């Protein structure tokens, strides 16, 4: 494979990455745990954009419950967003990634 071909491949991958970023940039998922006392929001870049914690969870006796709820909310939001991203990529038909189709 020539150097030119490798550079073109790299550019194509970079272009696909930009398209993917544009495609999922506006996506968000919201998850609540502990009966709605912990609410976490994540965007398509897998960044936590919101975290709401009910005042009743802020006491020292609820510390371990709060920690558990935040961890569970984050894990669930991450899985939901990963599924959303995969679905968007499949629907667009523009991304040729082995194992995705």
Protein backbone atom coordinates (compact mmCIF):
# COMPACT_ATOMS: atom_id res chain seq x y z
CA UNK A 1 0.00 0.00 0.00
CA UNK A 2 1.44 3.32 -1.03
CA UNK A 3 1.91 6.28 1.28
CA UNK A 4 -0.79 8.16 -0.66
CA UNK A 5 -3.28 5.33 -0.07
CA UNK A 6 -2.53 5.30 3.65
CA UNK A 7 -3.00 9.07 3.87
CA UNK A 8 -6.32 8.80 2.00
CA UNK A 9 -7.44 6.02 4.38
CA UNK A 10 -6.55 8.21 7.35
CA UNK A 11 -8.47 11.16 5.89
CA UNK A 12 -11.50 8.93 5.22
CA UNK A 13 -11.44 7.68 8.83
CA UNK A 14 -11.16 11.24 10.11
CA UNK A 15 -14.10 12.29 7.92
CA UNK A 16 -16.17 9.38 9.22
CA UNK A 17 -15.32 10.38 12.78
CA UNK A 18 -16.51 13.93 12.11
CA UNK A 19 -19.76 12.64 10.56
CA UNK A 20 -20.31 10.40 13.56
CA UNK A 21 -19.69 13.28 15.94
CA UNK A 22 -22.22 15.40 14.07
CA UNK A 23 -24.71 12.53 14.01
CA UNK A 24 -24.64 11.83 17.75
CA UNK A 25 -23.69 15.24 19.10
CA UNK A 26 -27.24 16.21 20.02
CA UNK A 27 -28.22 12.88 21.55
CA UNK A 28 -28.85 12.65 25.29
CA UNK A 29 -30.01 9.95 27.67
CA UNK A 30 -31.37 10.41 31.17
CA UNK A 31 -31.42 7.71 33.85
CA UNK A 32 -32.88 7.82 37.34
CA UNK A 33 -32.01 5.58 40.28
CA UNK A 34 -33.00 5.28 43.95
CA UNK A 35 -36.66 5.89 43.15
CA UNK A 36 -35.86 9.04 41.18
CA UNK A 37 -33.66 10.56 43.88
CA UNK A 38 -30.59 10.43 41.61
CA UNK A 39 -30.99 11.58 37.99
CA UNK A 40 -28.05 11.51 35.58
CA UNK A 41 -27.94 12.89 32.03
CA UNK A 42 -25.27 11.95 29.45
CA UNK A 43 -24.66 13.34 25.96
CA UNK A 44 -23.54 11.64 22.76
CA UNK A 45 -19.91 12.39 23.57
CA UNK A 46 -20.33 10.20 26.68
CA UNK A 47 -20.00 13.23 28.96
CA UNK A 48 -22.15 13.55 32.05
CA UNK A 49 -24.07 16.77 31.45
CA UNK A 50 -26.34 16.66 34.46
CA UNK A 51 -26.60 15.12 37.89
CA UNK A 52 -29.50 15.85 40.22
CA UNK A 53 -29.50 14.49 43.75
CA UNK A 54 -32.48 14.75 46.04
CA UNK A 55 -31.66 16.45 49.36
CA UNK A 56 -32.78 13.36 51.28
CA UNK A 57 -29.81 11.45 49.82
CA UNK A 58 -27.25 13.92 51.18
CA UNK A 59 -27.16 12.70 54.76
CA UNK A 60 -24.21 10.69 56.01
CA UNK A 61 -26.35 7.62 56.65
CA UNK A 62 -27.30 7.54 52.94
CA UNK A 63 -23.72 7.89 51.68
CA UNK A 64 -23.30 4.30 50.47
CA UNK A 65 -26.77 4.29 48.88
CA UNK A 66 -25.95 7.55 47.08
CA UNK A 67 -22.60 6.22 45.83
CA UNK A 68 -24.26 3.04 44.58
CA UNK A 69 -27.06 4.99 42.84
CA UNK A 70 -24.58 7.28 41.05
CA UNK A 71 -22.46 4.33 39.88
CA UNK A 72 -25.54 2.45 38.64
CA UNK A 73 -26.95 5.52 36.91
CA UNK A 74 -23.66 6.20 35.16
CA UNK A 75 -23.28 2.58 34.01
CA UNK A 76 -26.86 2.45 32.71
CA UNK A 77 -26.57 5.81 30.93
CA UNK A 78 -23.33 4.69 29.29
CA UNK A 79 -24.93 1.46 28.03
CA UNK A 80 -28.01 3.32 26.77
CA UNK A 81 -25.89 5.86 24.90
CA UNK A 82 -23.68 3.16 23.40
CA UNK A 83 -26.80 1.40 22.09
CA UNK A 84 -28.12 4.71 20.74
CA UNK A 85 -24.82 5.42 18.97
CA UNK A 86 -24.69 1.94 17.43
CA UNK A 87 -28.30 2.24 16.25
CA UNK A 88 -27.67 5.69 14.71
CA UNK A 89 -24.59 4.38 12.92
CA UNK A 90 -26.50 1.41 11.52
CA UNK A 91 -29.43 3.58 10.43
CA UNK A 92 -27.21 6.04 8.63
CA UNK A 93 -25.49 3.30 6.64
CA UNK A 94 -22.41 5.51 6.23
CA UNK A 95 -20.12 3.75 8.65
CA UNK A 96 -18.33 0.59 7.55
CA UNK A 97 -17.11 -0.74 10.86
CA UNK A 98 -16.53 -4.51 11.07
CA UNK A 99 -18.83 -6.30 13.50
CA UNK A 100 -21.38 -3.48 13.65
CA UNK A 101 -23.67 -4.49 10.82
